[in-house]
Amino acid sequence: MTHFVLVAGARLGASAWDEVAAELRAAGHQAHPLTLSGLAEKRGVPAGQQTHVRDIVDEVERLDLREVVLVGHSYAGIPVGQAAERIGDRLARVVFVDSGVPVDGESFLSGWPSDHVRKEIEDNDGFWPLVGADYYAGQGLTDEQIARIIDRSSPHPGATLTEPAVLNRPLGGLPATYIKCLLDDEEPMPVVAELLKSERWELVEMDTGHWPMFSLPRELARILAEHAAATPA
């Protein structure tokens, strides 16, 4: 039986996956949405990036999960990619949903113009603050879907974005699927494009924006299930 551990990106907790998890369960899979420390119902819990990696590994071990598909959206691709190598033979596949990927020694904010994010964190007591509805424009979301994202959001612990990733082996050796959401950007970022040269990585494109768990949850669940089924033994 495939177990999906679903981790949303910055500012969001487990509830971001409500519709996707319901679709996966209806198809006979096990879905385990996870809220990372410092977010949603875990607000107030101190968190750095390695805290989030431990959150994911601890959840897999606590539930004694096997045949695990780790799913990381946006920021969560950074801790999910690190956790994937740490759960050993429990891992069936890792799926990055329009996300960053960890690079050893680099943070989520490395490699792109992010000085404004660092300034926002500095000005907001160490948290990346909430954003308004305009931030989600042009991403294939209805007004109601945008309202749900905002309602489920909380300020994001800044240290998780600025601390470096720690990898013990090349990420390209993991069985992986990268889902690119085309309304956000038509091409994967260069580090992802390089990883996609690995025979163990595959690319899937979705004609939607950066939050497909809200805009196209049924299609996202179908893609997750199909690619889990295709995972080699």
Protein backbone atom coordinates (compact mmCIF):
# COMPACT_ATOMS: atom_id res chain seq x y z
CA MET A 1 0.00 0.00 0.00
CA THR A 2 1.35 3.44 -0.95
CA HIS A 3 1.53 6.07 1.77
CA PHE A 4 1.63 9.71 0.66
CA VAL A 5 3.17 12.18 3.12
CA LEU A 6 2.04 15.58 1.89
CA VAL A 7 3.90 18.75 2.90
CA ALA A 8 2.76 22.20 1.77
CA GLY A 9 4.92 25.21 1.07
CA ALA A 10 5.53 28.43 2.96
CA ARG A 11 2.81 29.68 5.32
CA LEU A 12 0.59 26.60 4.88
CA GLY A 13 -0.14 23.53 6.99
CA ALA A 14 -1.75 20.13 6.51
CA SER A 15 -5.16 21.60 5.66
CA ALA A 16 -3.83 22.77 2.29
CA TRP A 17 -4.07 19.14 1.20
CA ASP A 18 -7.67 18.45 2.27
CA GLU A 19 -9.04 17.96 -1.23
CA VAL A 20 -6.02 16.09 -2.60
CA ALA A 21 -5.94 13.77 0.42
CA ALA A 22 -9.65 13.01 -0.01
CA GLU A 23 -9.09 12.11 -3.68
CA LEU A 24 -6.13 9.87 -2.84
CA ARG A 25 -8.08 8.06 -0.14
CA ALA A 26 -11.06 7.59 -2.44
CA ALA A 27 -8.66 5.88 -4.86
CA GLY A 28 -7.53 3.47 -2.15
CA HIS A 29 -4.31 5.13 -1.03
CA GLN A 30 -3.20 6.33 2.40
CA ALA A 31 -2.67 10.09 2.70
CA HIS A 32 -0.84 11.74 5.58
CA PRO A 33 -0.87 15.56 5.31
CA LEU A 34 1.73 17.05 7.66
CA THR A 35 1.96 20.45 9.31
CA LEU A 36 5.54 21.57 9.86
CA SER A 37 6.70 23.14 13.13
CA GLY A 38 5.87 26.82 13.55
CA LEU A 39 2.92 26.80 11.14
CA ALA A 40 -0.89 26.54 11.38
CA GLU A 41 -1.85 24.53 14.47
CA LYS A 42 1.87 24.31 15.38
CA ARG A 43 2.38 28.06 15.53
CA GLY A 44 4.70 29.07 18.32
CA VAL A 45 6.92 25.99 17.99
CA PRO A 46 10.49 27.16 17.26
CA ALA A 47 11.65 25.98 13.84
CA GLY A 48 14.66 26.04 11.57
CA GLN A 49 15.09 24.15 8.33
CA GLN A 50 16.51 21.05 10.00
CA THR A 51 13.52 21.08 12.38
CA HIS A 52 11.32 20.66 9.33
CA VAL A 53 13.46 17.82 7.99
CA ARG A 54 13.10 16.07 11.35
CA ASP A 55 9.34 16.71 11.35
CA ILE A 56 9.03 14.71 8.13
CA VAL A 57 11.39 11.89 9.10
CA ASP A 58 9.78 11.60 12.54
CA GLU A 59 6.30 11.34 11.02
CA VAL A 60 7.36 8.50 8.72
CA GLU A 61 9.03 6.65 11.58
CA ARG A 62 6.28 7.36 14.12
CA LEU A 63 3.67 5.82 11.81
CA ASP A 64 6.13 3.11 10.72
CA LEU A 65 5.32 3.83 7.08
CA ARG A 66 6.68 1.81 4.16
CA GLU A 67 6.31 2.44 0.42
CA VAL A 68 6.35 6.16 1.18
CA VAL A 69 5.87 8.86 -1.44
CA LEU A 70 7.10 12.15 0.02
CA VAL A 71 5.41 15.14 -1.61
CA GLY A 72 6.85 18.63 -1.16
CA HIS A 73 5.26 21.79 -2.51
CA SER A 74 7.16 25.06 -3.03
CA TYR A 75 9.42 25.73 0.01
CA ALA A 76 8.69 22.23 1.36
CA GLY A 77 10.70 20.68 -1.46
CA ILE A 78 13.80 21.74 0.48
CA PRO A 79 13.13 19.72 3.68
CA VAL A 80 11.32 16.95 1.78
CA GLY A 81 14.34 16.38 -0.48
CA GLN A 82 16.59 16.04 2.57
CA ALA A 83 14.13 13.78 4.40
CA ALA A 84 13.86 11.55 1.32
CA GLU A 85 17.48 10.46 1.58
CA ARG A 86 17.18 9.95 5.35
CA ILE A 87 14.27 7.51 5.41
CA GLY A 88 16.24 4.91 3.46
CA ASP A 89 14.35 1.95 2.04
CA ARG A 90 11.04 3.30 3.30
CA LEU A 91 11.06 5.68 0.31
CA ALA A 92 9.22 4.71 -2.87
CA ARG A 93 9.41 8.10 -4.56
CA VAL A 94 9.76 11.80 -3.89
CA VAL A 95 7.53 14.28 -5.71
CA PHE A 96 8.41 17.95 -5.93
CA VAL A 97 5.37 20.11 -6.69
CA ASP A 98 6.56 23.35 -8.33
CA SER A 99 9.12 23.48 -5.57
CA GLY A 100 12.63 24.32 -4.66
CA VAL A 101 15.07 21.43 -4.34
CA PRO A 102 17.79 21.20 -1.70
CA VAL A 103 21.38 21.97 -2.65
CA ASP A 104 23.97 21.03 -0.05
CA GLY A 105 25.13 24.13 1.81
CA GLU A 106 22.53 26.43 0.24
CA SER A 107 19.26 27.77 1.59
CA PHE A 108 15.80 28.18 0.09
CA LEU A 109 16.69 31.81 -0.58
CA SER A 110 19.95 30.99 -2.41
CA GLY A 111 20.18 31.39 -6.16
CA TRP A 112 17.38 33.90 -6.79
CA PRO A 113 16.82 37.62 -6.04
CA SER A 114 15.62 37.24 -2.45
CA ASP A 115 17.00 40.26 -0.60
CA HIS A 116 13.47 41.58 -0.22
CA VAL A 117 12.43 38.36 1.55
CA ARG A 118 15.36 38.63 3.94
CA LYS A 119 14.36 42.23 4.68
CA GLU A 120 10.73 41.21 5.30
CA ILE A 121 11.90 38.52 7.73
CA GLU A 122 14.15 41.01 9.52
CA ASP A 123 11.31 43.55 9.77
CA ASN A 124 8.77 41.02 11.05
CA ASP A 125 10.47 39.52 14.10
CA GLY A 126 12.00 36.62 12.20
CA PHE A 127 8.91 35.62 10.20
CA TRP A 128 8.00 35.86 6.53
CA PRO A 129 4.71 37.75 6.81
CA LEU A 130 1.33 36.99 5.31
CA VAL A 131 0.38 38.35 1.88
CA GLY A 132 -2.84 39.66 0.37
CA ALA A 133 -5.04 38.38 -2.45
CA ASP A 134 -3.04 40.20 -5.15
CA TYR A 135 -0.09 37.88 -4.48
CA TYR A 136 -2.09 34.94 -5.86
CA ALA A 137 -3.36 36.66 -9.02
CA GLY A 138 -2.68 34.99 -12.37
CA GLN A 139 -2.25 31.53 -10.84
CA GLY A 140 -5.45 29.84 -12.02
CA LEU A 141 -7.23 30.34 -8.69
CA THR A 142 -10.80 31.47 -8.11
CA ASP A 143 -11.55 34.18 -5.57
CA GLU A 144 -12.91 31.49 -3.25
CA GLN A 145 -9.74 29.41 -3.57
CA ILE A 146 -7.57 32.45 -2.85
CA ALA A 147 -9.69 33.21 0.21
CA ARG A 148 -9.15 29.65 1.46
CA ILE A 149 -5.39 29.90 1.03
CA ILE A 150 -5.29 33.17 2.94
CA ASP A 151 -7.55 31.81 5.68
CA ARG A 152 -5.27 28.78 6.17
CA SER A 153 -2.01 30.74 6.12
CA SER A 154 0.23 31.79 9.00
CA PRO A 155 3.51 33.74 9.10
CA HIS A 156 6.41 31.48 8.12
CA PRO A 157 9.44 30.96 10.40
CA GLY A 158 12.24 32.82 8.67
CA ALA A 159 15.08 30.56 9.82
CA THR A 160 13.67 27.73 7.72
CA LEU A 161 14.25 29.85 4.63
CA THR A 162 17.75 31.06 5.46
CA GLU A 163 19.43 27.97 6.95
CA PRO A 164 21.45 25.74 4.58
CA ALA A 165 20.41 22.30 3.40
CA VAL A 166 22.45 19.23 4.32
CA LEU A 167 22.70 16.42 1.76
CA ASN A 168 24.83 13.32 2.06
CA ARG A 169 24.55 12.13 -1.53
CA PRO A 170 23.46 13.47 -4.94
CA LEU A 171 19.75 14.22 -5.16
CA GLY A 172 19.70 12.90 -8.71
CA GLY A 173 20.05 9.36 -7.37
CA LEU A 174 16.61 9.41 -5.78
CA PRO A 175 13.51 8.23 -7.69
CA ALA A 176 11.75 11.53 -8.28
CA THR A 177 8.99 13.32 -10.15
CA TYR A 178 9.05 17.08 -10.65
CA ILE A 179 5.67 18.71 -11.31
CA LYS A 180 6.04 22.04 -13.12
CA CYS A 181 3.08 24.41 -12.92
CA LEU A 182 3.17 26.36 -16.15
CA LEU A 183 1.30 29.51 -15.08
CA ASP A 184 4.02 30.16 -12.53
CA ASP A 185 6.90 29.72 -15.00
CA GLU A 186 7.10 27.62 -18.12
CA GLU A 187 10.61 26.28 -17.48
CA PRO A 188 12.04 24.52 -14.42
CA MET A 189 14.76 26.43 -12.59
CA PRO A 190 18.31 25.56 -13.73
CA VAL A 191 19.11 23.31 -10.76
CA VAL A 192 15.95 21.30 -11.47
CA ALA A 193 16.70 21.13 -15.19
CA GLU A 194 20.07 19.61 -14.34
CA LEU A 195 18.50 17.02 -12.02
CA LEU A 196 15.98 16.08 -14.72
CA LYS A 197 18.90 14.74 -16.77
CA SER A 198 19.02 11.83 -14.31
CA GLU A 199 17.35 8.65 -15.56
CA ARG A 200 15.63 8.42 -12.16
CA TRP A 201 13.88 11.79 -12.50
CA GLU A 202 10.85 12.64 -14.61
CA LEU A 203 9.03 15.85 -15.46
CA VAL A 204 5.25 16.36 -15.42
CA GLU A 205 3.63 19.63 -16.46
CA MET A 206 0.35 21.03 -15.14
CA ASP A 207 -1.50 23.85 -16.86
CA THR A 208 -2.18 25.73 -13.66
CA GLY A 209 -0.47 27.98 -11.16
CA HIS A 210 1.75 27.54 -8.15
CA TRP A 211 -0.93 26.15 -5.79
CA PRO A 212 -2.37 23.14 -7.67
CA MET A 213 -3.68 21.54 -4.46
CA PHE A 214 -6.24 24.37 -4.49
CA SER A 215 -6.67 25.06 -8.21
CA LEU A 216 -6.66 21.47 -9.58
CA PRO A 217 -6.74 19.05 -6.62
CA ARG A 218 -8.30 16.15 -8.51
CA GLU A 219 -5.76 16.31 -11.33
CA LEU A 220 -2.89 16.65 -8.86
CA ALA A 221 -4.10 13.60 -6.92
CA ARG A 222 -4.35 11.63 -10.17
CA ILE A 223 -0.78 12.54 -11.13
CA LEU A 224 0.50 11.59 -7.68
CA ALA A 225 -1.25 8.22 -7.81
CA GLU A 226 -0.10 7.45 -11.35
CA HIS A 227 3.53 8.22 -10.65
CA ALA A 228 3.55 6.33 -7.39
CA ALA A 229 2.23 3.28 -9.28
CA ALA A 230 5.03 3.66 -11.82
CA THR A 231 7.73 3.64 -9.17
CA PRO A 232 10.25 0.86 -9.84
CA ALA A 233 10.85 -1.70 -7.10
